[in-house]
Amino acid sequence: MALISKKKLIYPIGPVLRRYLIKYSREVDIPIHYHELLRYNGSVALYDTKDQDTLWETVFFAESDREEIHHNVKKIYALLKAGGDMSVMAHLFVDRIDLCVYGNTQPFRVRIVNRINDNFDYFYIKNADASRVYGLELEDLLSPNRISYLVHKNTLIEEHIAGIPGEKFMKLHMEDPHLNPIRLAKEFVKFNERCFVRLLGDMHSSNFVIDVTPDFEETHYRIRAIDFDQQSYESKKSIYLPQYFKENNALIQLGMKYITPESMRQYQREERALITTRLKSSHTEIEDILRCMEHDHLAPAENENSLKAELARHYKNPEFLGCKNMGEILRLSLTQVVK
């Protein structure tokens, strides 16, 4: 069972990573920053449609601040979704701004609504943590999913990742007669492999969503990470393997029931082949981000020493013991895929 005993440290964005973000147009001047949203003067608990506490609070701003804040928040949405085309703001309004008080970085979630058709979207304004930025960039480069985010100074803007929260899916949808257990179990094996190879930790059921796509003949599933705080941070190999979290037991049991050891190895090889293809197609960007990580401080020394020892045993590769930091450990982990 995977357990995290200590709260993760927050690492600021350093000059090396900042240069990377500028080079690849992730660093964009934005009209409002995280600390300015802390000027709210009241909040109420947010409940879902079944009157369950969501653990988010809807915040309220003084009349003198609200119009300016809402206008600037819409500008950020235009930068994130339309490349800065401010004409998209004409029919948008800010319906709600929520605060997650229990999260590591206490993010704000903004709900944007199109007044013409009531269609809505979300995005997030957060304190920038270097671990999370590396996680987002590696997700964009190495996973099957593209992801949009922007950074300015100490503020991080993230798009909303749509899907059914893993915890909710396992509670409400596992008995669905239309569920395809083999396809879902296969996707969990592939997700498990992706997380391990690129060292994304803490993928229990609250930190990923399941995207369900009905096809003309079958249903397809994609498991997507939504929390990237634990990128290349934890000391134990098991933290990077979703199969070791008790919160994921329903999916684990599905795999044990429907996936044979031979099939599991096949799916793992398939996922590693796809990662190899991405490593080759985005070679320049991946090389640049790995160099940044190798010059950055992303975890306590004891975490690095413990992880490289465990990976040396796992891969039977003593080269891990010579790694000096998490960046070098990740580079060597990716090298195992190519081999």
C-alpha atoms as a PDB file:
ATOM      1  CA  MET A   1       0.000   0.000   0.000  1.00  0.00           C
ATOM      2  CA  ALA A   2       1.331   3.457  -0.929  1.00  0.00           C
ATOM      3  CA  LEU A   3       1.405   5.986   1.899  1.00  0.00           C
ATOM      4  CA  ILE A   4       2.578   9.604   1.984  1.00  0.00           C
ATOM      5  CA  SER A   5       3.683  10.536   5.483  1.00  0.00           C
ATOM      6  CA  LYS A   6       4.662  14.182   5.050  1.00  0.00           C
ATOM      7  CA  LYS A   7       3.112  17.158   3.322  1.00  0.00           C
ATOM      8  CA  LYS A   8       4.937  18.082   0.131  1.00  0.00           C
ATOM      9  CA  LEU A   9       7.214  21.110   0.176  1.00  0.00           C
ATOM     10  CA  ILE A  10       6.440  23.960  -2.232  1.00  0.00           C
ATOM     11  CA  TYR A  11       9.290  24.908  -4.575  1.00  0.00           C
ATOM     12  CA  PRO A  12       9.371  28.309  -6.304  1.00  0.00           C
ATOM     13  CA  ILE A  13       9.985  28.617 -10.033  1.00  0.00           C
ATOM     14  CA  GLY A  14      13.720  29.179 -10.478  1.00  0.00           C
ATOM     15  CA  PRO A  15      15.536  31.109 -13.224  1.00  0.00           C
ATOM     16  CA  VAL A  16      16.340  28.010 -15.330  1.00  0.00           C
ATOM     17  CA  LEU A  17      12.721  26.860 -15.476  1.00  0.00           C
ATOM     18  CA  ARG A  18      11.599  30.464 -16.054  1.00  0.00           C
ATOM     19  CA  ARG A  19      13.781  30.661 -19.180  1.00  0.00           C
ATOM     20  CA  TYR A  20      12.212  27.427 -20.452  1.00  0.00           C
ATOM     21  CA  LEU A  21       8.704  28.809 -19.920  1.00  0.00           C
ATOM     22  CA  ILE A  22       9.580  31.997 -21.787  1.00  0.00           C
ATOM     23  CA  LYS A  23      11.196  30.055 -24.659  1.00  0.00           C
ATOM     24  CA  TYR A  24       8.100  27.902 -25.180  1.00  0.00           C
ATOM     25  CA  SER A  25       5.550  30.707 -24.643  1.00  0.00           C
ATOM     26  CA  ARG A  26       4.227  29.381 -21.344  1.00  0.00           C
ATOM     27  CA  GLU A  27       5.202  32.616 -19.581  1.00  0.00           C
ATOM     28  CA  VAL A  28       2.566  35.236 -20.440  1.00  0.00           C
ATOM     29  CA  ASP A  29       1.809  38.577 -18.833  1.00  0.00           C
ATOM     30  CA  ILE A  30      -1.587  38.303 -17.142  1.00  0.00           C
ATOM     31  CA  PRO A  31      -3.830  41.090 -15.787  1.00  0.00           C
ATOM     32  CA  ILE A  32      -4.463  39.626 -12.324  1.00  0.00           C
ATOM     33  CA  HIS A  33      -2.441  37.415  -9.996  1.00  0.00           C
ATOM     34  CA  TYR A  34      -3.212  34.832  -7.356  1.00  0.00           C
ATOM     35  CA  HIS A  35      -2.569  37.104  -4.378  1.00  0.00           C
ATOM     36  CA  GLU A  36      -5.082  39.662  -5.680  1.00  0.00           C
ATOM     37  CA  LEU A  37      -7.899  37.114  -5.407  1.00  0.00           C
ATOM     38  CA  LEU A  38      -7.145  36.799  -1.707  1.00  0.00           C
ATOM     39  CA  ARG A  39      -8.878  40.163  -1.261  1.00  0.00           C
ATOM     40  CA  TYR A  40     -12.253  38.419  -0.988  1.00  0.00           C
ATOM     41  CA  ASN A  41     -14.283  39.554   2.011  1.00  0.00           C
ATOM     42  CA  GLY A  42     -16.584  36.582   2.515  1.00  0.00           C
ATOM     43  CA  SER A  43     -17.254  32.956   1.526  1.00  0.00           C
ATOM     44  CA  VAL A  44     -19.864  30.205   1.798  1.00  0.00           C
ATOM     45  CA  ALA A  45     -19.491  26.430   1.551  1.00  0.00           C
ATOM     46  CA  LEU A  46     -20.259  25.055  -1.922  1.00  0.00           C
ATOM     47  CA  TYR A  47     -22.587  22.041  -2.091  1.00  0.00           C
ATOM     48  CA  ASP A  48     -23.237  19.825  -5.110  1.00  0.00           C
ATOM     49  CA  THR A  49     -26.635  18.949  -6.576  1.00  0.00           C
ATOM     50  CA  LYS A  50     -27.050  16.207  -3.949  1.00  0.00           C
ATOM     51  CA  ASP A  51     -26.349  18.606  -1.064  1.00  0.00           C
ATOM     52  CA  GLN A  52     -22.915  17.085  -0.436  1.00  0.00           C
ATOM     53  CA  ASP A  53     -20.156  19.423   0.719  1.00  0.00           C
ATOM     54  CA  THR A  54     -17.643  19.768  -2.143  1.00  0.00           C
ATOM     55  CA  LEU A  55     -14.939  21.124   0.212  1.00  0.00           C
ATOM     56  CA  TRP A  56     -14.782  24.238  -1.986  1.00  0.00           C
ATOM     57  CA  GLU A  57     -15.937  27.661  -0.823  1.00  0.00           C
ATOM     58  CA  THR A  58     -17.504  30.275  -3.099  1.00  0.00           C
ATOM     59  CA  VAL A  59     -15.841  33.609  -2.380  1.00  0.00           C
ATOM     60  CA  PHE A  60     -17.313  37.110  -2.648  1.00  0.00           C
ATOM     61  CA  PHE A  61     -15.570  40.392  -3.363  1.00  0.00           C
ATOM     62  CA  ALA A  62     -16.414  43.908  -2.315  1.00  0.00           C
ATOM     63  CA  GLU A  63     -18.518  45.865  -4.798  1.00  0.00           C
ATOM     64  CA  SER A  64     -15.568  48.192  -5.473  1.00  0.00           C
ATOM     65  CA  ASP A  65     -13.337  45.241  -6.499  1.00  0.00           C
ATOM     66  CA  ARG A  66     -15.717  42.784  -8.120  1.00  0.00           C
ATOM     67  CA  GLU A  67     -16.144  44.387 -11.553  1.00  0.00           C
ATOM     68  CA  GLU A  68     -12.408  44.835 -12.073  1.00  0.00           C
ATOM     69  CA  ILE A  69     -11.585  41.325 -10.852  1.00  0.00           C
ATOM     70  CA  HIS A  70     -14.225  39.699 -13.048  1.00  0.00           C
ATOM     71  CA  HIS A  71     -13.075  41.693 -16.087  1.00  0.00           C
ATOM     72  CA  ASN A  72      -9.447  40.654 -15.576  1.00  0.00           C
ATOM     73  CA  VAL A  73     -10.398  37.040 -14.964  1.00  0.00           C
ATOM     74  CA  LYS A  74     -12.202  36.989 -18.336  1.00  0.00           C
ATOM     75  CA  LYS A  75      -9.026  38.350 -19.947  1.00  0.00           C
ATOM     76  CA  ILE A  76      -7.096  35.412 -18.510  1.00  0.00           C
ATOM     77  CA  TYR A  77      -9.664  33.023 -19.982  1.00  0.00           C
ATOM     78  CA  ALA A  78      -9.172  34.657 -23.403  1.00  0.00           C
ATOM     79  CA  LEU A  79      -5.398  34.214 -23.074  1.00  0.00           C
ATOM     80  CA  LEU A  80      -5.749  30.571 -22.061  1.00  0.00           C
ATOM     81  CA  LYS A  81      -8.411  29.509 -24.552  1.00  0.00           C
ATOM     82  CA  ALA A  82      -8.211  31.925 -27.482  1.00  0.00           C
ATOM     83  CA  GLY A  83      -4.583  32.987 -27.631  1.00  0.00           C
ATOM     84  CA  GLY A  84      -5.441  36.430 -26.320  1.00  0.00           C
ATOM     85  CA  ASP A  85      -8.318  37.208 -28.700  1.00  0.00           C
ATOM     86  CA  MET A  86     -10.345  39.476 -26.416  1.00  0.00           C
ATOM     87  CA  SER A  87     -13.393  39.400 -28.704  1.00  0.00           C
ATOM     88  CA  VAL A  88     -14.406  36.109 -27.049  1.00  0.00           C
ATOM     89  CA  MET A  89     -15.148  38.077 -23.873  1.00  0.00           C
ATOM     90  CA  ALA A  90     -18.201  39.786 -25.359  1.00  0.00           C
ATOM     91  CA  HIS A  91     -20.709  37.126 -24.301  1.00  0.00           C
ATOM     92  CA  LEU A  92     -18.920  35.743 -21.245  1.00  0.00           C
ATOM     93  CA  PHE A  93     -19.523  36.433 -17.593  1.00  0.00           C
ATOM     94  CA  VAL A  94     -17.957  35.141 -14.382  1.00  0.00           C
ATOM     95  CA  ASP A  95     -20.600  33.065 -12.657  1.00  0.00           C
ATOM     96  CA  ARG A  96     -18.583  32.025  -9.597  1.00  0.00           C
ATOM     97  CA  ILE A  97     -15.111  31.973  -8.090  1.00  0.00           C
ATOM     98  CA  ASP A  98     -14.420  29.127  -5.656  1.00  0.00           C
ATOM     99  CA  LEU A  99     -11.506  28.492  -3.307  1.00  0.00           C
ATOM    100  CA  CYS A 100     -10.191  25.068  -2.283  1.00  0.00           C
ATOM    101  CA  VAL A 101      -8.979  25.641   1.257  1.00  0.00           C
ATOM    102  CA  TYR A 102      -7.587  22.126   1.768  1.00  0.00           C
ATOM    103  CA  GLY A 103      -5.336  21.972  -1.318  1.00  0.00           C
ATOM    104  CA  ASN A 104      -1.546  22.324  -1.148  1.00  0.00           C
ATOM    105  CA  THR A 105      -1.605  25.599  -3.078  1.00  0.00           C
ATOM    106  CA  GLN A 106      -5.197  26.615  -2.175  1.00  0.00           C
ATOM    107  CA  PRO A 107      -6.332  27.097  -5.790  1.00  0.00           C
ATOM    108  CA  PHE A 108      -9.126  29.319  -7.039  1.00  0.00           C
ATOM    109  CA  ARG A 109     -11.537  27.817  -9.574  1.00  0.00           C
ATOM    110  CA  VAL A 110     -13.331  30.185 -11.936  1.00  0.00           C
ATOM    111  CA  ARG A 111     -16.618  29.265 -13.608  1.00  0.00           C
ATOM    112  CA  ILE A 112     -17.108  31.140 -16.900  1.00  0.00           C
ATOM    113  CA  VAL A 113     -20.530  31.129 -18.608  1.00  0.00           C
ATOM    114  CA  ASN A 114     -21.583  32.070 -22.136  1.00  0.00           C
ATOM    115  CA  ARG A 115     -24.709  34.195 -21.658  1.00  0.00           C
ATOM    116  CA  ILE A 116     -26.046  33.276 -25.139  1.00  0.00           C
ATOM    117  CA  ASN A 117     -26.358  29.520 -24.612  1.00  0.00           C
ATOM    118  CA  ASP A 118     -25.508  29.040 -20.898  1.00  0.00           C
ATOM    119  CA  ASN A 119     -22.549  26.843 -21.818  1.00  0.00           C
ATOM    120  CA  PHE A 120     -19.902  26.996 -19.082  1.00  0.00           C
ATOM    121  CA  ASP A 121     -16.246  26.196 -18.547  1.00  0.00           C
ATOM    122  CA  TYR A 122     -13.763  26.272 -15.663  1.00  0.00           C
ATOM    123  CA  PHE A 123     -10.152  27.215 -15.180  1.00  0.00           C
ATOM    124  CA  TYR A 124      -7.862  27.507 -12.158  1.00  0.00           C
ATOM    125  CA  ILE A 125      -5.674  30.233 -10.687  1.00  0.00           C
ATOM    126  CA  LYS A 126      -3.008  28.861  -8.351  1.00  0.00           C
ATOM    127  CA  ASN A 127       0.204  29.609  -6.527  1.00  0.00           C
ATOM    128  CA  ALA A 128       2.959  28.483  -8.868  1.00  0.00           C
ATOM    129  CA  ASP A 129       4.834  25.414  -7.584  1.00  0.00           C
ATOM    130  CA  ALA A 130       7.808  24.296  -9.701  1.00  0.00           C
ATOM    131  CA  SER A 131       6.962  20.604  -9.151  1.00  0.00           C
ATOM    132  CA  ARG A 132       3.493  21.154 -10.587  1.00  0.00           C
ATOM    133  CA  VAL A 133       4.792  23.127 -13.569  1.00  0.00           C
ATOM    134  CA  TYR A 134       7.230  20.325 -14.411  1.00  0.00           C
ATOM    135  CA  GLY A 135       4.373  17.841 -14.033  1.00  0.00           C
ATOM    136  CA  LEU A 136       2.120  19.802 -16.386  1.00  0.00           C
ATOM    137  CA  GLU A 137       4.847  20.134 -19.002  1.00  0.00           C
ATOM    138  CA  LEU A 138       5.750  16.449 -18.864  1.00  0.00           C
ATOM    139  CA  GLU A 139       2.054  15.558 -19.118  1.00  0.00           C
ATOM    140  CA  ASP A 140       1.819  17.633 -22.285  1.00  0.00           C
ATOM    141  CA  LEU A 141       4.965  16.083 -23.776  1.00  0.00           C
ATOM    142  CA  LEU A 142       4.798  12.433 -22.701  1.00  0.00           C
ATOM    143  CA  SER A 143       1.129  11.517 -22.254  1.00  0.00           C
ATOM    144  CA  PRO A 144      -1.612  11.111 -24.897  1.00  0.00           C
ATOM    145  CA  ASN A 145      -3.166  14.327 -23.559  1.00  0.00           C
ATOM    146  CA  ARG A 146      -2.439  17.930 -24.492  1.00  0.00           C
ATOM    147  CA  ILE A 147      -2.811  20.421 -21.686  1.00  0.00           C
ATOM    148  CA  SER A 148      -2.971  24.219 -21.566  1.00  0.00           C
ATOM    149  CA  TYR A 149      -1.418  26.280 -18.806  1.00  0.00           C
ATOM    150  CA  LEU A 150       0.188  29.695 -18.380  1.00  0.00           C
ATOM    151  CA  VAL A 151       2.604  31.114 -15.839  1.00  0.00           C
ATOM    152  CA  HIS A 152       3.416  34.672 -14.786  1.00  0.00           C
ATOM    153  CA  LYS A 153       5.708  35.369 -11.842  1.00  0.00           C
ATOM    154  CA  ASN A 154       4.255  33.323  -8.955  1.00  0.00           C
ATOM    155  CA  THR A 155       0.846  32.657 -10.515  1.00  0.00           C
ATOM    156  CA  LEU A 156      -0.150  29.518 -12.429  1.00  0.00           C
ATOM    157  CA  ILE A 157      -3.197  29.354 -14.715  1.00  0.00           C
ATOM    158  CA  GLU A 158      -4.527  25.892 -15.633  1.00  0.00           C
ATOM    159  CA  GLU A 159      -7.310  24.698 -17.870  1.00  0.00           C
ATOM    160  CA  HIS A 160      -9.985  22.405 -16.454  1.00  0.00           C
ATOM    161  CA  ILE A 161      -9.499  18.707 -17.280  1.00  0.00           C
ATOM    162  CA  ALA A 162     -12.897  17.213 -17.994  1.00  0.00           C
ATOM    163  CA  GLY A 163     -13.902  13.745 -16.830  1.00  0.00           C
ATOM    164  CA  ILE A 164     -15.596  11.814 -14.045  1.00  0.00           C
ATOM    165  CA  PRO A 165     -13.515  11.986 -10.837  1.00  0.00           C
ATOM    166  CA  GLY A 166     -11.988   8.564 -10.193  1.00  0.00           C
ATOM    167  CA  GLU A 167     -13.495   8.304  -6.732  1.00  0.00           C
ATOM    168  CA  LYS A 168     -16.981   9.099  -8.060  1.00  0.00           C
ATOM    169  CA  PHE A 169     -16.608   6.728 -11.025  1.00  0.00           C
ATOM    170  CA  MET A 170     -15.678   3.803  -8.785  1.00  0.00           C
ATOM    171  CA  LYS A 171     -18.564   4.560  -6.453  1.00  0.00           C
ATOM    172  CA  LEU A 172     -21.330   5.087  -9.036  1.00  0.00           C
ATOM    173  CA  HIS A 173     -20.375   3.523 -12.372  1.00  0.00           C
ATOM    174  CA  MET A 174     -18.682   0.177 -11.755  1.00  0.00           C
ATOM    175  CA  GLU A 175     -22.030  -1.646 -11.914  1.00  0.00           C
ATOM    176  CA  ASP A 176     -23.141   0.124 -15.102  1.00  0.00           C
ATOM    177  CA  PRO A 177     -24.368  -2.578 -17.540  1.00  0.00           C
ATOM    178  CA  HIS A 178     -22.662  -0.670 -20.365  1.00  0.00           C
ATOM    179  CA  LEU A 179     -19.281  -0.729 -18.611  1.00  0.00           C
ATOM    180  CA  ASN A 180     -16.545  -2.442 -20.608  1.00  0.00           C
ATOM    181  CA  PRO A 181     -14.402  -3.882 -17.786  1.00  0.00           C
ATOM    182  CA  ILE A 182     -11.615  -5.171 -20.021  1.00  0.00           C
ATOM    183  CA  ARG A 183     -11.061  -1.822 -21.744  1.00  0.00           C
ATOM    184  CA  LEU A 184     -11.168   0.027 -18.423  1.00  0.00           C
ATOM    185  CA  ALA A 185      -8.735  -2.416 -16.799  1.00  0.00           C
ATOM    186  CA  LYS A 186      -6.412  -2.095 -19.800  1.00  0.00           C
ATOM    187  CA  GLU A 187      -6.449   1.698 -19.502  1.00  0.00           C
ATOM    188  CA  PHE A 188      -5.593   1.480 -15.804  1.00  0.00           C
ATOM    189  CA  VAL A 189      -2.571  -0.699 -16.628  1.00  0.00           C
ATOM    190  CA  LYS A 190      -1.415   1.846 -19.209  1.00  0.00           C
ATOM    191  CA  PHE A 191      -2.037   4.775 -16.840  1.00  0.00           C
ATOM    192  CA  ASN A 192      -0.066   2.962 -14.149  1.00  0.00           C
ATOM    193  CA  GLU A 193       2.835   2.541 -16.559  1.00  0.00           C
ATOM    194  CA  ARG A 194       2.773   6.187 -17.684  1.00  0.00           C
ATOM    195  CA  CYS A 195       2.886   7.459 -14.113  1.00  0.00           C
ATOM    196  CA  PHE A 196       5.756   5.167 -13.152  1.00  0.00           C
ATOM    197  CA  VAL A 197       7.923   5.899 -16.164  1.00  0.00           C
ATOM    198  CA  ARG A 198       7.652   9.681 -15.830  1.00  0.00           C
ATOM    199  CA  LEU A 199       7.646   9.604 -11.987  1.00  0.00           C
ATOM    200  CA  LEU A 200       4.276  11.231 -11.347  1.00  0.00           C
ATOM    201  CA  GLY A 201       3.245  10.316  -7.830  1.00  0.00           C
ATOM    202  CA  ASP A 202       0.134  10.258  -5.635  1.00  0.00           C
ATOM    203  CA  MET A 203      -2.312   9.093  -8.285  1.00  0.00           C
ATOM    204  CA  HIS A 204      -5.073   7.893  -5.985  1.00  0.00           C
ATOM    205  CA  SER A 205      -8.721   8.151  -7.029  1.00  0.00           C
ATOM    206  CA  SER A 206      -9.116  11.823  -6.068  1.00  0.00           C
ATOM    207  CA  ASN A 207      -6.231  12.892  -8.304  1.00  0.00           C
ATOM    208  CA  PHE A 208      -7.381  11.553 -11.663  1.00  0.00           C
ATOM    209  CA  VAL A 209     -10.515  11.598 -13.795  1.00  0.00           C
ATOM    210  CA  ILE A 210     -11.918   9.013 -16.188  1.00  0.00           C
ATOM    211  CA  ASP A 211     -12.908  10.338 -19.592  1.00  0.00           C
ATOM    212  CA  VAL A 212     -15.591   8.103 -21.127  1.00  0.00           C
ATOM    213  CA  THR A 213     -16.077   8.205 -24.911  1.00  0.00           C
ATOM    214  CA  PRO A 214     -18.934   6.146 -26.409  1.00  0.00           C
ATOM    215  CA  ASP A 215     -18.100   4.768 -29.846  1.00  0.00           C
ATOM    216  CA  PHE A 216     -20.412   3.223 -32.435  1.00  0.00           C
ATOM    217  CA  GLU A 217     -19.522  -0.253 -31.214  1.00  0.00           C
ATOM    218  CA  GLU A 218     -17.776   0.058 -27.848  1.00  0.00           C
ATOM    219  CA  THR A 219     -16.939   2.506 -25.062  1.00  0.00           C
ATOM    220  CA  HIS A 220     -13.419   3.917 -24.725  1.00  0.00           C
ATOM    221  CA  TYR A 221     -11.785   5.120 -21.507  1.00  0.00           C
ATOM    222  CA  ARG A 222      -8.925   7.498 -20.836  1.00  0.00           C
ATOM    223  CA  ILE A 223      -7.588   8.024 -17.327  1.00  0.00           C
ATOM    224  CA  ARG A 224      -6.158  11.530 -16.931  1.00  0.00           C
ATOM    225  CA  ALA A 225      -4.131  12.921 -14.065  1.00  0.00           C
ATOM    226  CA  ILE A 226      -5.457  16.215 -12.658  1.00  0.00           C
ATOM    227  CA  ASP A 227      -2.954  16.784  -9.840  1.00  0.00           C
ATOM    228  CA  PHE A 228       0.720  17.238 -10.694  1.00  0.00           C
ATOM    229  CA  ASP A 229       2.120  18.419  -7.345  1.00  0.00           C
ATOM    230  CA  GLN A 230       3.933  15.126  -6.749  1.00  0.00           C
ATOM    231  CA  GLN A 231       6.048  15.143  -9.897  1.00  0.00           C
ATOM    232  CA  SER A 232       9.456  13.632  -9.064  1.00  0.00           C
ATOM    233  CA  TYR A 233       9.213  14.326  -5.344  1.00  0.00           C
ATOM    234  CA  GLU A 234       8.459  11.239  -3.251  1.00  0.00           C
ATOM    235  CA  SER A 235      11.037   8.765  -1.990  1.00  0.00           C
ATOM    236  CA  LYS A 236       9.237   5.447  -2.516  1.00  0.00           C
ATOM    237  CA  LYS A 237       8.739   3.641  -5.806  1.00  0.00           C
ATOM    238  CA  SER A 238       5.220   2.598  -4.759  1.00  0.00           C
ATOM    239  CA  ILE A 239       4.053   6.245  -4.646  1.00  0.00           C
ATOM    240  CA  TYR A 240       4.563   6.419  -8.422  1.00  0.00           C
ATOM    241  CA  LEU A 241       2.424   3.324  -9.045  1.00  0.00           C
ATOM    242  CA  PRO A 242      -1.373   3.894  -8.850  1.00  0.00           C
ATOM    243  CA  GLN A 243      -1.791   0.128  -8.385  1.00  0.00           C
ATOM    244  CA  TYR A 244      -0.558   0.477  -4.784  1.00  0.00           C
ATOM    245  CA  PHE A 245      -3.180   2.968  -3.577  1.00  0.00           C
ATOM    246  CA  LYS A 246      -6.049   1.397  -1.650  1.00  0.00           C
ATOM    247  CA  GLU A 247      -8.355   4.149  -2.984  1.00  0.00           C
ATOM    248  CA  ASN A 248      -7.961   2.542  -6.436  1.00  0.00           C
ATOM    249  CA  ASN A 249      -8.969  -0.947  -5.274  1.00  0.00           C
ATOM    250  CA  ALA A 250     -12.032  -1.175  -7.529  1.00  0.00           C
ATOM    251  CA  LEU A 251      -9.866  -0.694 -10.630  1.00  0.00           C
ATOM    252  CA  ILE A 252      -7.145  -2.951  -9.250  1.00  0.00           C
ATOM    253  CA  GLN A 253      -9.680  -5.745  -8.649  1.00  0.00           C
ATOM    254  CA  LEU A 254     -10.975  -5.256 -12.190  1.00  0.00           C
ATOM    255  CA  GLY A 255      -7.486  -5.818 -13.554  1.00  0.00           C
ATOM    256  CA  MET A 256      -6.952  -8.916 -11.436  1.00  0.00           C
ATOM    257  CA  LYS A 257     -10.224 -10.347 -12.738  1.00  0.00           C
ATOM    258  CA  TYR A 258      -9.945  -9.552 -16.437  1.00  0.00           C
ATOM    259  CA  ILE A 259      -6.250  -9.056 -17.265  1.00  0.00           C
ATOM    260  CA  THR A 260      -3.838 -11.980 -17.484  1.00  0.00           C
ATOM    261  CA  PRO A 261      -0.136 -11.488 -16.682  1.00  0.00           C
ATOM    262  CA  GLU A 262       0.682 -11.920 -20.384  1.00  0.00           C
ATOM    263  CA  SER A 263      -1.883  -9.277 -21.405  1.00  0.00           C
ATOM    264  CA  MET A 264      -0.617  -6.911 -18.728  1.00  0.00           C
ATOM    265  CA  ARG A 265       2.953  -7.156 -20.027  1.00  0.00           C
ATOM    266  CA  GLN A 266       1.671  -6.541 -23.547  1.00  0.00           C
ATOM    267  CA  TYR A 267      -0.184  -3.373 -22.481  1.00  0.00           C
ATOM    268  CA  GLN A 268       2.884  -2.163 -20.589  1.00  0.00           C
ATOM    269  CA  ARG A 269       5.037  -2.677 -23.690  1.00  0.00           C
ATOM    270  CA  GLU A 270       2.456  -0.849 -25.803  1.00  0.00           C
ATOM    271  CA  GLU A 271       2.489   2.156 -23.477  1.00  0.00           C
ATOM    272  CA  ARG A 272       6.276   2.234 -23.337  1.00  0.00           C
ATOM    273  CA  ALA A 273       6.407   2.123 -27.139  1.00  0.00           C
ATOM    274  CA  LEU A 274       4.059   5.130 -27.286  1.00  0.00           C
ATOM    275  CA  ILE A 275       6.210   7.016 -24.765  1.00  0.00           C
ATOM    276  CA  THR A 276       9.291   6.205 -26.859  1.00  0.00           C
ATOM    277  CA  THR A 277       7.569   7.701 -29.900  1.00  0.00           C
ATOM    278  CA  ARG A 278       6.782  10.873 -27.960  1.00  0.00           C
ATOM    279  CA  LEU A 279      10.370  11.067 -26.693  1.00  0.00           C
ATOM    280  CA  LYS A 280      11.558  11.053 -30.301  1.00  0.00           C
ATOM    281  CA  SER A 281       8.918  13.409 -31.730  1.00  0.00           C
ATOM    282  CA  SER A 282       9.388  16.023 -28.979  1.00  0.00           C
ATOM    283  CA  HIS A 283      13.103  15.425 -28.438  1.00  0.00           C
ATOM    284  CA  THR A 284      14.136  19.095 -28.242  1.00  0.00           C
ATOM    285  CA  GLU A 285      11.457  20.104 -25.722  1.00  0.00           C
ATOM    286  CA  ILE A 286      12.024  17.014 -23.556  1.00  0.00           C
ATOM    287  CA  GLU A 287      15.786  17.512 -23.571  1.00  0.00           C
ATOM    288  CA  ASP A 288      15.284  21.146 -22.538  1.00  0.00           C
ATOM    289  CA  ILE A 289      12.890  20.339 -19.689  1.00  0.00           C
ATOM    290  CA  LEU A 290      15.161  17.545 -18.389  1.00  0.00           C
ATOM    291  CA  ARG A 291      18.124  19.933 -18.365  1.00  0.00           C
ATOM    292  CA  CYS A 292      16.026  22.350 -16.321  1.00  0.00           C
ATOM    293  CA  MET A 293      15.154  19.632 -13.816  1.00  0.00           C
ATOM    294  CA  GLU A 294      18.809  18.609 -13.541  1.00  0.00           C
ATOM    295  CA  HIS A 295      19.685  22.159 -12.507  1.00  0.00           C
ATOM    296  CA  ASP A 296      16.750  22.519 -10.115  1.00  0.00           C
ATOM    297  CA  HIS A 297      16.070  21.466  -6.539  1.00  0.00           C
ATOM    298  CA  LEU A 298      12.805  19.505  -6.455  1.00  0.00           C
ATOM    299  CA  ALA A 299      12.979  17.151  -3.475  1.00  0.00           C
ATOM    300  CA  PRO A 300      14.827  16.607  -0.187  1.00  0.00           C
ATOM    301  CA  ALA A 301      18.108  14.709  -0.536  1.00  0.00           C
ATOM    302  CA  GLU A 302      16.748  11.767   1.479  1.00  0.00           C
ATOM    303  CA  ASN A 303      13.890  11.367  -1.028  1.00  0.00           C
ATOM    304  CA  GLU A 304      16.324  11.340  -3.942  1.00  0.00           C
ATOM    305  CA  ASN A 305      18.631   8.813  -2.285  1.00  0.00           C
ATOM    306  CA  SER A 306      15.790   6.467  -1.363  1.00  0.00           C
ATOM    307  CA  LEU A 307      14.143   6.605  -4.798  1.00  0.00           C
ATOM    308  CA  LYS A 308      17.308   6.018  -6.800  1.00  0.00           C
ATOM    309  CA  ALA A 309      18.152   3.004  -4.598  1.00  0.00           C
ATOM    310  CA  GLU A 310      14.682   1.511  -5.150  1.00  0.00           C
ATOM    311  CA  LEU A 311      14.806   2.112  -8.915  1.00  0.00           C
ATOM    312  CA  ALA A 312      18.317   0.617  -9.098  1.00  0.00           C
ATOM    313  CA  ARG A 313      16.898  -2.563  -7.575  1.00  0.00           C
ATOM    314  CA  HIS A 314      13.753  -2.489  -9.729  1.00  0.00           C
ATOM    315  CA  TYR A 315      15.587  -2.105 -13.041  1.00  0.00           C
ATOM    316  CA  LYS A 316      18.721  -3.983 -11.864  1.00  0.00           C
ATOM    317  CA  ASN A 317      20.629  -0.927 -13.041  1.00  0.00           C
ATOM    318  CA  PRO A 318      23.290   0.494 -10.687  1.00  0.00           C
ATOM    319  CA  GLU A 319      23.515   3.659 -12.814  1.00  0.00           C
ATOM    320  CA  PHE A 320      20.613   5.052 -10.768  1.00  0.00           C
ATOM    321  CA  LEU A 321      22.885   5.166  -7.715  1.00  0.00           C
ATOM    322  CA  GLY A 322      25.044   7.768  -9.453  1.00  0.00           C
ATOM    323  CA  CYS A 323      22.166  10.191 -10.059  1.00  0.00           C
ATOM    324  CA  LYS A 324      22.633  13.512  -8.271  1.00  0.00           C
ATOM    325  CA  ASN A 325      19.027  14.810  -8.328  1.00  0.00           C
ATOM    326  CA  MET A 326      15.460  14.075  -9.415  1.00  0.00           C
ATOM    327  CA  GLY A 327      16.133  15.384 -12.932  1.00  0.00           C
ATOM    328  CA  GLU A 328      18.875  12.820 -13.484  1.00  0.00           C
ATOM    329  CA  ILE A 329      16.709  10.069 -11.980  1.00  0.00           C
ATOM    330  CA  LEU A 330      13.869  10.925 -14.376  1.00  0.00           C
ATOM    331  CA  ARG A 331      16.213  11.039 -17.370  1.00  0.00           C
ATOM    332  CA  LEU A 332      17.504   7.549 -16.544  1.00  0.00           C
ATOM    333  CA  SER A 333      13.940   6.296 -15.994  1.00  0.00           C
ATOM    334  CA  LEU A 334      12.986   7.507 -19.467  1.00  0.00           C
ATOM    335  CA  THR A 335      16.137   5.889 -20.875  1.00  0.00           C
ATOM    336  CA  GLN A 336      14.868   2.515 -19.609  1.00  0.00           C
ATOM    337  CA  VAL A 337      11.838   2.944 -21.863  1.00  0.00           C
ATOM    338  CA  VAL A 338      13.932   3.464 -24.970  1.00  0.00           C
ATOM    339  CA  LYS A 339      16.046   0.412 -24.104  1.00  0.00           C
END
